[in-house]
Amino acid sequence: MKNSQLEKEKNLQIFSKMISSKIRKGFILEERNDEFQFAVLYKGEKMVNHPFNFIIFCLTLGLWAFPWLYLTIQASRQKKILVAIDEDGVPFVERCLVA
């Protein structure tokens, strides 16, 4: 009994450390459940400096169009992840699909 309580506290500590490390990397906590030990975090859209990219586009005679397009598409996507601990006490992070 005491052993399982210690294990549960240890897992909760690991779970909290995982969440705080993701928050330091820019994720925002959307939902957290300490009983089932899972949390959903997301990272919003990034801002693209279009005037700066346009100047690079002009200086490279249009070659910068492909990286600029890639940056714009990547910046518009939201990242959503699930941080959890399974039944065996193993922590994991899983990407969620965002429409």
PDB file of N, CA and C in Angstrom:
ATOM      1  N   MET A   1       0.828  -1.190   0.000  1.00  0.00           N
ATOM      2  CA  MET A   1       0.000   0.000   0.000  1.00  0.00           C
ATOM      3  C   MET A   1       0.874   1.257   0.000  1.00  0.00           C
ATOM      4  N   LYS A   2       1.835   1.299   0.900  1.00  0.00           N
ATOM      5  CA  LYS A   2       2.711   2.447   1.005  1.00  0.00           C
ATOM      6  C   LYS A   2       3.578   2.577  -0.247  1.00  0.00           C
ATOM      7  N   ASN A   3       3.982   1.437  -0.791  1.00  0.00           N
ATOM      8  CA  ASN A   3       4.806   1.418  -1.983  1.00  0.00           C
ATOM      9  C   ASN A   3       4.057   1.997  -3.182  1.00  0.00           C
ATOM     10  N   SER A   4       2.794   1.652  -3.340  1.00  0.00           N
ATOM     11  CA  SER A   4       2.015   2.168  -4.468  1.00  0.00           C
ATOM     12  C   SER A   4       1.764   3.661  -4.319  1.00  0.00           C
ATOM     13  N   GLN A   5       1.604   4.136  -3.088  1.00  0.00           N
ATOM     14  CA  GLN A   5       1.418   5.570  -2.856  1.00  0.00           C
ATOM     15  C   GLN A   5       2.687   6.339  -3.211  1.00  0.00           C
ATOM     16  N   LEU A   6       3.841   5.789  -2.848  1.00  0.00           N
ATOM     17  CA  LEU A   6       5.112   6.422  -3.205  1.00  0.00           C
ATOM     18  C   LEU A   6       5.311   6.433  -4.717  1.00  0.00           C
ATOM     19  N   GLU A   7       4.942   5.343  -5.365  1.00  0.00           N
ATOM     20  CA  GLU A   7       5.058   5.250  -6.821  1.00  0.00           C
ATOM     21  C   GLU A   7       4.148   6.272  -7.496  1.00  0.00           C
ATOM     22  N   LYS A   8       2.956   6.437  -6.975  1.00  0.00           N
ATOM     23  CA  LYS A   8       2.003   7.400  -7.539  1.00  0.00           C
ATOM     24  C   LYS A   8       2.526   8.831  -7.379  1.00  0.00           C
ATOM     25  N   GLU A   9       3.098   9.148  -6.231  1.00  0.00           N
ATOM     26  CA  GLU A   9       3.672  10.472  -6.014  1.00  0.00           C
ATOM     27  C   GLU A   9       4.870  10.722  -6.927  1.00  0.00           C
ATOM     28  N   LYS A  10       5.678   9.688  -7.124  1.00  0.00           N
ATOM     29  CA  LYS A  10       6.839   9.813  -8.014  1.00  0.00           C
ATOM     30  C   LYS A  10       6.376  10.063  -9.453  1.00  0.00           C
ATOM     31  N   ASN A  11       5.353   9.323  -9.896  1.00  0.00           N
ATOM     32  CA  ASN A  11       4.817   9.521 -11.237  1.00  0.00           C
ATOM     33  C   ASN A  11       4.227  10.919 -11.399  1.00  0.00           C
ATOM     34  N   LEU A  12       3.559  11.415 -10.374  1.00  0.00           N
ATOM     35  CA  LEU A  12       2.982  12.754 -10.430  1.00  0.00           C
ATOM     36  C   LEU A  12       4.074  13.811 -10.523  1.00  0.00           C
ATOM     37  N   GLN A  13       5.183  13.586  -9.842  1.00  0.00           N
ATOM     38  CA  GLN A  13       6.316  14.502  -9.914  1.00  0.00           C
ATOM     39  C   GLN A  13       6.919  14.507 -11.316  1.00  0.00           C
ATOM     40  N   ILE A  14       7.096  13.335 -11.900  1.00  0.00           N
ATOM     41  CA  ILE A  14       7.619  13.227 -13.266  1.00  0.00           C
ATOM     42  C   ILE A  14       6.674  13.915 -14.238  1.00  0.00           C
ATOM     43  N   PHE A  15       5.388  13.687 -14.051  1.00  0.00           N
ATOM     44  CA  PHE A  15       4.351  14.282 -14.889  1.00  0.00           C
ATOM     45  C   PHE A  15       4.420  15.811 -14.815  1.00  0.00           C
ATOM     46  N   SER A  16       4.545  16.355 -13.629  1.00  0.00           N
ATOM     47  CA  SER A  16       4.618  17.808 -13.450  1.00  0.00           C
ATOM     48  C   SER A  16       5.879  18.384 -14.090  1.00  0.00           C
ATOM     49  N   LYS A  17       7.001  17.677 -13.984  1.00  0.00           N
ATOM     50  CA  LYS A  17       8.245  18.140 -14.598  1.00  0.00           C
ATOM     51  C   LYS A  17       8.135  18.150 -16.125  1.00  0.00           C
ATOM     52  N   MET A  18       7.475  17.141 -16.688  1.00  0.00           N
ATOM     53  CA  MET A  18       7.298  17.091 -18.139  1.00  0.00           C
ATOM     54  C   MET A  18       6.466  18.271 -18.610  1.00  0.00           C
ATOM     55  N   ILE A  19       5.404  18.573 -17.887  1.00  0.00           N
ATOM     56  CA  ILE A  19       4.537  19.688 -18.268  1.00  0.00           C
ATOM     57  C   ILE A  19       5.287  21.011 -18.157  1.00  0.00           C
ATOM     58  N   SER A  20       6.019  21.201 -17.070  1.00  0.00           N
ATOM     59  CA  SER A  20       6.734  22.471 -16.900  1.00  0.00           C
ATOM     60  C   SER A  20       7.830  22.648 -17.953  1.00  0.00           C
ATOM     61  N   SER A  21       8.461  21.563 -18.389  1.00  0.00           N
ATOM     62  CA  SER A  21       9.472  21.694 -19.442  1.00  0.00           C
ATOM     63  C   SER A  21       8.829  22.084 -20.777  1.00  0.00           C
ATOM     64  N   LYS A  22       7.647  21.565 -21.046  1.00  0.00           N
ATOM     65  CA  LYS A  22       6.940  21.950 -22.276  1.00  0.00           C
ATOM     66  C   LYS A  22       6.470  23.398 -22.207  1.00  0.00           C
ATOM     67  N   ILE A  23       6.042  23.840 -21.038  1.00  0.00           N
ATOM     68  CA  ILE A  23       5.609  25.226 -20.879  1.00  0.00           C
ATOM     69  C   ILE A  23       6.790  26.180 -21.082  1.00  0.00           C
ATOM     70  N   ARG A  24       7.974  25.795 -20.600  1.00  0.00           N
ATOM     71  CA  ARG A  24       9.168  26.610 -20.827  1.00  0.00           C
ATOM     72  C   ARG A  24       9.513  26.709 -22.307  1.00  0.00           C
ATOM     73  N   LYS A  25       9.123  25.708 -23.090  1.00  0.00           N
ATOM     74  CA  LYS A  25       9.398  25.721 -24.523  1.00  0.00           C
ATOM     75  C   LYS A  25       8.333  26.477 -25.312  1.00  0.00           C
ATOM     76  N   GLY A  26       7.358  27.083 -24.604  1.00  0.00           N
ATOM     77  CA  GLY A  26       6.378  27.931 -25.285  1.00  0.00           C
ATOM     78  C   GLY A  26       4.989  27.349 -25.406  1.00  0.00           C
ATOM     79  N   PHE A  27       4.759  26.164 -24.892  1.00  0.00           N
ATOM     80  CA  PHE A  27       3.426  25.571 -24.947  1.00  0.00           C
ATOM     81  C   PHE A  27       2.539  26.178 -23.866  1.00  0.00           C
ATOM     82  N   ILE A  28       1.240  26.164 -24.105  1.00  0.00           N
ATOM     83  CA  ILE A  28       0.253  26.680 -23.158  1.00  0.00           C
ATOM     84  C   ILE A  28      -0.613  25.514 -22.707  1.00  0.00           C
ATOM     85  N   LEU A  29      -0.815  25.432 -21.404  1.00  0.00           N
ATOM     86  CA  LEU A  29      -1.600  24.344 -20.828  1.00  0.00           C
ATOM     87  C   LEU A  29      -3.078  24.572 -21.119  1.00  0.00           C
ATOM     88  N   GLU A  30      -3.691  23.619 -21.806  1.00  0.00           N
ATOM     89  CA  GLU A  30      -5.106  23.715 -22.151  1.00  0.00           C
ATOM     90  C   GLU A  30      -5.967  22.926 -21.175  1.00  0.00           C
ATOM     91  N   GLU A  31      -5.505  21.732 -20.817  1.00  0.00           N
ATOM     92  CA  GLU A  31      -6.255  20.875 -19.904  1.00  0.00           C
ATOM     93  C   GLU A  31      -5.276  20.005 -19.131  1.00  0.00           C
ATOM     94  N   ARG A  32      -5.566  19.810 -17.839  1.00  0.00           N
ATOM     95  CA  ARG A  32      -4.708  18.950 -17.009  1.00  0.00           C
ATOM     96  C   ARG A  32      -5.586  18.130 -16.076  1.00  0.00           C
ATOM     97  N   ASN A  33      -5.257  16.843 -15.953  1.00  0.00           N
ATOM     98  CA  ASN A  33      -5.977  15.957 -15.053  1.00  0.00           C
ATOM     99  C   ASN A  33      -4.944  15.169 -14.252  1.00  0.00           C
ATOM    100  N   ASP A  34      -4.836  15.483 -12.952  1.00  0.00           N
ATOM    101  CA  ASP A  34      -3.841  14.806 -12.111  1.00  0.00           C
ATOM    102  C   ASP A  34      -4.282  13.407 -11.701  1.00  0.00           C
ATOM    103  N   GLU A  35      -5.576  13.155 -11.716  1.00  0.00           N
ATOM    104  CA  GLU A  35      -6.064  11.826 -11.332  1.00  0.00           C
ATOM    105  C   GLU A  35      -5.667  10.778 -12.366  1.00  0.00           C
ATOM    106  N   PHE A  36      -5.894  11.094 -13.642  1.00  0.00           N
ATOM    107  CA  PHE A  36      -5.540  10.156 -14.719  1.00  0.00           C
ATOM    108  C   PHE A  36      -4.176  10.468 -15.320  1.00  0.00           C
ATOM    109  N   GLN A  37      -3.530  11.497 -14.836  1.00  0.00           N
ATOM    110  CA  GLN A  37      -2.202  11.919 -15.236  1.00  0.00           C
ATOM    111  C   GLN A  37      -2.070  12.116 -16.746  1.00  0.00           C
ATOM    112  N   PHE A  38      -2.822  13.088 -17.239  1.00  0.00           N
ATOM    113  CA  PHE A  38      -2.650  13.518 -18.618  1.00  0.00           C
ATOM    114  C   PHE A  38      -2.865  15.015 -18.694  1.00  0.00           C
ATOM    115  N   ALA A  39      -2.276  15.614 -19.711  1.00  0.00           N
ATOM    116  CA  ALA A  39      -2.436  17.045 -19.946  1.00  0.00           C
ATOM    117  C   ALA A  39      -2.387  17.290 -21.446  1.00  0.00           C
ATOM    118  N   VAL A  40      -3.155  18.278 -21.885  1.00  0.00           N
ATOM    119  CA  VAL A  40      -3.154  18.681 -23.285  1.00  0.00           C
ATOM    120  C   VAL A  40      -2.564  20.084 -23.336  1.00  0.00           C
ATOM    121  N   LEU A  41      -1.547  20.249 -24.164  1.00  0.00           N
ATOM    122  CA  LEU A  41      -0.889  21.540 -24.316  1.00  0.00           C
ATOM    123  C   LEU A  41      -0.900  21.932 -25.788  1.00  0.00           C
ATOM    124  N   TYR A  42      -0.873  23.234 -26.046  1.00  0.00           N
ATOM    125  CA  TYR A  42      -0.808  23.680 -27.436  1.00  0.00           C
ATOM    126  C   TYR A  42       0.141  24.850 -27.569  1.00  0.00           C
ATOM    127  N   LYS A  43       0.636  25.008 -28.778  1.00  0.00           N
ATOM    128  CA  LYS A  43       1.505  26.139 -29.114  1.00  0.00           C
ATOM    129  C   LYS A  43       0.836  26.862 -30.267  1.00  0.00           C
ATOM    130  N   GLY A  44       0.579  28.124 -30.076  1.00  0.00           N
ATOM    131  CA  GLY A  44      -0.127  28.919 -31.077  1.00  0.00           C
ATOM    132  C   GLY A  44       0.701  29.209 -32.306  1.00  0.00           C
ATOM    133  N   GLU A  45       0.112  30.019 -33.149  1.00  0.00           N
ATOM    134  CA  GLU A  45       0.759  30.379 -34.407  1.00  0.00           C
ATOM    135  C   GLU A  45       1.935  31.313 -34.164  1.00  0.00           C
ATOM    136  N   LYS A  46       2.955  31.190 -35.004  1.00  0.00           N
ATOM    137  CA  LYS A  46       4.095  32.095 -34.968  1.00  0.00           C
ATOM    138  C   LYS A  46       3.847  33.233 -35.948  1.00  0.00           C
ATOM    139  N   MET A  47       4.497  34.337 -35.716  1.00  0.00           N
ATOM    140  CA  MET A  47       4.376  35.480 -36.612  1.00  0.00           C
ATOM    141  C   MET A  47       5.520  35.436 -37.634  1.00  0.00           C
ATOM    142  N   VAL A  48       5.186  35.699 -38.892  1.00  0.00           N
ATOM    143  CA  VAL A  48       6.173  35.742 -39.957  1.00  0.00           C
ATOM    144  C   VAL A  48       6.366  37.202 -40.342  1.00  0.00           C
ATOM    145  N   ASN A  49       7.603  37.625 -40.435  1.00  0.00           N
ATOM    146  CA  ASN A  49       7.926  39.004 -40.809  1.00  0.00           C
ATOM    147  C   ASN A  49       7.896  39.106 -42.339  1.00  0.00           C
ATOM    148  N   HIS A  50       6.724  39.406 -42.879  1.00  0.00           N
ATOM    149  CA  HIS A  50       6.570  39.427 -44.340  1.00  0.00           C
ATOM    150  C   HIS A  50       7.350  40.551 -45.026  1.00  0.00           C
ATOM    151  N   PRO A  51       7.436  41.763 -44.469  1.00  0.00           N
ATOM    152  CA  PRO A  51       8.259  42.782 -45.146  1.00  0.00           C
ATOM    153  C   PRO A  51       9.730  42.372 -45.267  1.00  0.00           C
ATOM    154  N   PHE A  52      10.275  41.782 -44.216  1.00  0.00           N
ATOM    155  CA  PHE A  52      11.663  41.318 -44.272  1.00  0.00           C
ATOM    156  C   PHE A  52      11.822  40.215 -45.311  1.00  0.00           C
ATOM    157  N   ASN A  53      10.880  39.278 -45.342  1.00  0.00           N
ATOM    158  CA  ASN A  53      10.950  38.194 -46.320  1.00  0.00           C
ATOM    159  C   ASN A  53      10.788  38.711 -47.746  1.00  0.00           C
ATOM    160  N   PHE A  54      10.000  39.758 -47.931  1.00  0.00           N
ATOM    161  CA  PHE A  54       9.847  40.343 -49.263  1.00  0.00           C
ATOM    162  C   PHE A  54      11.159  40.958 -49.736  1.00  0.00           C
ATOM    163  N   ILE A  55      11.891  41.596 -48.833  1.00  0.00           N
ATOM    164  CA  ILE A  55      13.205  42.178 -49.191  1.00  0.00           C
ATOM    165  C   ILE A  55      14.169  41.066 -49.607  1.00  0.00           C
ATOM    166  N   ILE A  56      14.199  39.968 -48.848  1.00  0.00           N
ATOM    167  CA  ILE A  56      15.063  38.835 -49.213  1.00  0.00           C
ATOM    168  C   ILE A  56      14.619  38.244 -50.547  1.00  0.00           C
ATOM    169  N   PHE A  57      13.308  38.175 -50.756  1.00  0.00           N
ATOM    170  CA  PHE A  57      12.754  37.681 -52.020  1.00  0.00           C
ATOM    171  C   PHE A  57      13.272  38.519 -53.190  1.00  0.00           C
ATOM    172  N   CYS A  58      13.258  39.839 -53.034  1.00  0.00           N
ATOM    173  CA  CYS A  58      13.726  40.721 -54.105  1.00  0.00           C
ATOM    174  C   CYS A  58      15.230  40.600 -54.311  1.00  0.00           C
ATOM    175  N   LEU A  59      15.986  40.508 -53.219  1.00  0.00           N
ATOM    176  CA  LEU A  59      17.443  40.414 -53.331  1.00  0.00           C
ATOM    177  C   LEU A  59      17.902  39.101 -53.962  1.00  0.00           C
ATOM    178  N   THR A  60      17.147  38.044 -53.777  1.00  0.00           N
ATOM    179  CA  THR A  60      17.526  36.750 -54.356  1.00  0.00           C
ATOM    180  C   THR A  60      16.812  36.493 -55.686  1.00  0.00           C
ATOM    181  N   LEU A  61      16.203  37.517 -56.219  1.00  0.00           N
ATOM    182  CA  LEU A  61      15.502  37.446 -57.513  1.00  0.00           C
ATOM    183  C   LEU A  61      14.436  36.351 -57.535  1.00  0.00           C
ATOM    184  N   GLY A  62      13.701  36.239 -56.445  1.00  0.00           N
ATOM    185  CA  GLY A  62      12.575  35.316 -56.390  1.00  0.00           C
ATOM    186  C   GLY A  62      12.874  33.933 -55.844  1.00  0.00           C
ATOM    187  N   LEU A  63      14.145  33.624 -55.619  1.00  0.00           N
ATOM    188  CA  LEU A  63      14.481  32.290 -55.111  1.00  0.00           C
ATOM    189  C   LEU A  63      13.998  32.078 -53.673  1.00  0.00           C
ATOM    190  N   TRP A  64      13.784  33.165 -52.955  1.00  0.00           N
ATOM    191  CA  TRP A  64      13.346  33.056 -51.567  1.00  0.00           C
ATOM    192  C   TRP A  64      11.850  32.725 -51.466  1.00  0.00           C
ATOM    193  N   ALA A  65      11.158  32.628 -52.573  1.00  0.00           N
ATOM    194  CA  ALA A  65       9.709  32.377 -52.555  1.00  0.00           C
ATOM    195  C   ALA A  65       9.376  31.034 -51.913  1.00  0.00           C
ATOM    196  N   PHE A  66      10.157  30.006 -52.184  1.00  0.00           N
ATOM    197  CA  PHE A  66       9.861  28.678 -51.647  1.00  0.00           C
ATOM    198  C   PHE A  66      10.091  28.599 -50.122  1.00  0.00           C
ATOM    199  N   PRO A  67      11.241  29.092 -49.623  1.00  0.00           N
ATOM    200  CA  PRO A  67      11.380  29.089 -48.155  1.00  0.00           C
ATOM    201  C   PRO A  67      10.352  29.991 -47.459  1.00  0.00           C
ATOM    202  N   TRP A  68      10.011  31.105 -48.090  1.00  0.00           N
ATOM    203  CA  TRP A  68       9.032  32.026 -47.517  1.00  0.00           C
ATOM    204  C   TRP A  68       7.664  31.353 -47.422  1.00  0.00           C
ATOM    205  N   LEU A  69       7.281  30.653 -48.452  1.00  0.00           N
ATOM    206  CA  LEU A  69       6.013  29.919 -48.451  1.00  0.00           C
ATOM    207  C   LEU A  69       6.023  28.835 -47.376  1.00  0.00           C
ATOM    208  N   TYR A  70       7.130  28.117 -47.267  1.00  0.00           N
ATOM    209  CA  TYR A  70       7.262  27.079 -46.242  1.00  0.00           C
ATOM    210  C   TYR A  70       7.132  27.680 -44.839  1.00  0.00           C
ATOM    211  N   LEU A  71       7.816  28.796 -44.591  1.00  0.00           N
ATOM    212  CA  LEU A  71       7.735  29.465 -43.291  1.00  0.00           C
ATOM    213  C   LEU A  71       6.313  29.913 -42.982  1.00  0.00           C
ATOM    214  N   THR A  72       5.626  30.413 -43.978  1.00  0.00           N
ATOM    215  CA  THR A  72       4.258  30.891 -43.779  1.00  0.00           C
ATOM    216  C   THR A  72       3.322  29.737 -43.441  1.00  0.00           C
ATOM    217  N   ILE A  73       3.460  28.626 -44.115  1.00  0.00           N
ATOM    218  CA  ILE A  73       2.604  27.463 -43.843  1.00  0.00           C
ATOM    219  C   ILE A  73       2.912  26.882 -42.469  1.00  0.00           C
ATOM    220  N   GLN A  74       4.193  26.738 -42.130  1.00  0.00           N
ATOM    221  CA  GLN A  74       4.575  26.198 -40.824  1.00  0.00           C
ATOM    222  C   GLN A  74       4.115  27.106 -39.684  1.00  0.00           C
ATOM    223  N   ALA A  75       4.188  28.403 -39.887  1.00  0.00           N
ATOM    224  CA  ALA A  75       3.819  29.346 -38.828  1.00  0.00           C
ATOM    225  C   ALA A  75       2.314  29.352 -38.578  1.00  0.00           C
ATOM    226  N   SER A  76       1.532  29.019 -39.593  1.00  0.00           N
ATOM    227  CA  SER A  76       0.080  29.067 -39.430  1.00  0.00           C
ATOM    228  C   SER A  76      -0.469  27.819 -38.735  1.00  0.00           C
ATOM    229  N   ARG A  77       0.344  26.796 -38.592  1.00  0.00           N
ATOM    230  CA  ARG A  77      -0.111  25.565 -37.940  1.00  0.00           C
ATOM    231  C   ARG A  77      -0.019  25.683 -36.430  1.00  0.00           C
ATOM    232  N   GLN A  78      -1.001  25.112 -35.760  1.00  0.00           N
ATOM    233  CA  GLN A  78      -0.953  25.027 -34.311  1.00  0.00           C
ATOM    234  C   GLN A  78      -0.468  23.636 -33.936  1.00  0.00           C
ATOM    235  N   LYS A  79       0.350  23.574 -32.915  1.00  0.00           N
ATOM    236  CA  LYS A  79       0.822  22.289 -32.421  1.00  0.00           C
ATOM    237  C   LYS A  79       0.057  21.959 -31.154  1.00  0.00           C
ATOM    238  N   LYS A  80      -0.422  20.734 -31.067  1.00  0.00           N
ATOM    239  CA  LYS A  80      -1.126  20.278 -29.882  1.00  0.00           C
ATOM    240  C   LYS A  80      -0.512  18.942 -29.481  1.00  0.00           C
ATOM    241  N   ILE A  81      -0.176  18.807 -28.191  1.00  0.00           N
ATOM    242  CA  ILE A  81       0.436  17.571 -27.719  1.00  0.00           C
ATOM    243  C   ILE A  81      -0.288  17.059 -26.480  1.00  0.00           C
ATOM    244  N   LEU A  82      -0.172  15.763 -26.294  1.00  0.00           N
ATOM    245  CA  LEU A  82      -0.710  15.094 -25.113  1.00  0.00           C
ATOM    246  C   LEU A  82       0.480  14.596 -24.301  1.00  0.00           C
ATOM    247  N   VAL A  83       0.553  15.016 -23.047  1.00  0.00           N
ATOM    248  CA  VAL A  83       1.587  14.554 -22.125  1.00  0.00           C
ATOM    249  C   VAL A  83       0.888  13.675 -21.106  1.00  0.00           C
ATOM    250  N   ALA A  84       1.365  12.439 -20.941  1.00  0.00           N
ATOM    251  CA  ALA A  84       0.676  11.523 -20.033  1.00  0.00           C
ATOM    252  C   ALA A  84       1.637  10.481 -19.483  1.00  0.00           C
ATOM    253  N   ILE A  85       1.140   9.764 -18.488  1.00  0.00           N
ATOM    254  CA  ILE A  85       1.852   8.622 -17.928  1.00  0.00           C
ATOM    255  C   ILE A  85       0.919   7.428 -18.028  1.00  0.00           C
ATOM    256  N   ASP A  86       1.400   6.346 -18.637  1.00  0.00           N
ATOM    257  CA  ASP A  86       0.541   5.178 -18.829  1.00  0.00           C
ATOM    258  C   ASP A  86       0.415   4.347 -17.560  1.00  0.00           C
ATOM    259  N   GLU A  87      -0.269   3.208 -17.670  1.00  0.00           N
ATOM    260  CA  GLU A  87      -0.536   2.355 -16.507  1.00  0.00           C
ATOM    261  C   GLU A  87       0.730   1.817 -15.861  1.00  0.00           C
ATOM    262  N   ASP A  88       1.781   1.660 -16.668  1.00  0.00           N
ATOM    263  CA  ASP A  88       3.034   1.105 -16.162  1.00  0.00           C
ATOM    264  C   ASP A  88       3.945   2.162 -15.549  1.00  0.00           C
ATOM    265  N   GLY A  89       3.511   3.416 -15.578  1.00  0.00           N
ATOM    266  CA  GLY A  89       4.318   4.496 -15.014  1.00  0.00           C
ATOM    267  C   GLY A  89       5.324   5.075 -15.991  1.00  0.00           C
ATOM    268  N   VAL A  90       5.164   4.787 -17.277  1.00  0.00           N
ATOM    269  CA  VAL A  90       6.082   5.281 -18.297  1.00  0.00           C
ATOM    270  C   VAL A  90       5.529   6.583 -18.882  1.00  0.00           C
ATOM    271  N   PRO A  91       6.274   7.684 -18.774  1.00  0.00           N
ATOM    272  CA  PRO A  91       5.803   8.951 -19.340  1.00  0.00           C
ATOM    273  C   PRO A  91       5.956   8.953 -20.861  1.00  0.00           C
ATOM    274  N   PHE A  92       5.025   9.634 -21.537  1.00  0.00           N
ATOM    275  CA  PHE A  92       5.121   9.760 -22.985  1.00  0.00           C
ATOM    276  C   PHE A  92       4.496  11.070 -23.440  1.00  0.00           C
ATOM    277  N   VAL A  93       4.919  11.505 -24.618  1.00  0.00           N
ATOM    278  CA  VAL A  93       4.396  12.704 -25.262  1.00  0.00           C
ATOM    279  C   VAL A  93       3.924  12.285 -26.636  1.00  0.00           C
ATOM    280  N   GLU A  94       2.723  12.696 -26.998  1.00  0.00           N
ATOM    281  CA  GLU A  94       2.146  12.309 -28.286  1.00  0.00           C
ATOM    282  C   GLU A  94       1.581  13.545 -28.967  1.00  0.00           C
ATOM    283  N   ARG A  95       1.879  13.685 -30.251  1.00  0.00           N
ATOM    284  CA  ARG A  95       1.325  14.802 -31.021  1.00  0.00           C
ATOM    285  C   ARG A  95      -0.129  14.524 -31.360  1.00  0.00           C
ATOM    286  N   CYS A  96      -0.948  15.535 -31.268  1.00  0.00           N
ATOM    287  CA  CYS A  96      -2.359  15.424 -31.632  1.00  0.00           C
ATOM    288  C   CYS A  96      -2.559  16.100 -32.983  1.00  0.00           C
ATOM    289  N   LEU A  97      -3.477  15.603 -33.757  1.00  0.00           N
ATOM    290  CA  LEU A  97      -3.793  16.202 -35.044  1.00  0.00           C
ATOM    291  C   LEU A  97      -4.716  17.392 -34.826  1.00  0.00           C
ATOM    292  N   VAL A  98      -4.364  18.510 -35.458  1.00  0.00           N
ATOM    293  CA  VAL A  98      -5.176  19.719 -35.373  1.00  0.00           C
ATOM    294  C   VAL A  98      -5.681  20.033 -36.760  1.00  0.00           C
ATOM    295  N   ALA A  99      -6.971  20.251 -36.860  1.00  0.00           N
ATOM    296  CA  ALA A  99      -7.562  20.548 -38.165  1.00  0.00           C
ATOM    297  C   ALA A  99      -7.303  21.965 -38.584  1.00  0.00           C
TER     298      ALA A  99
END
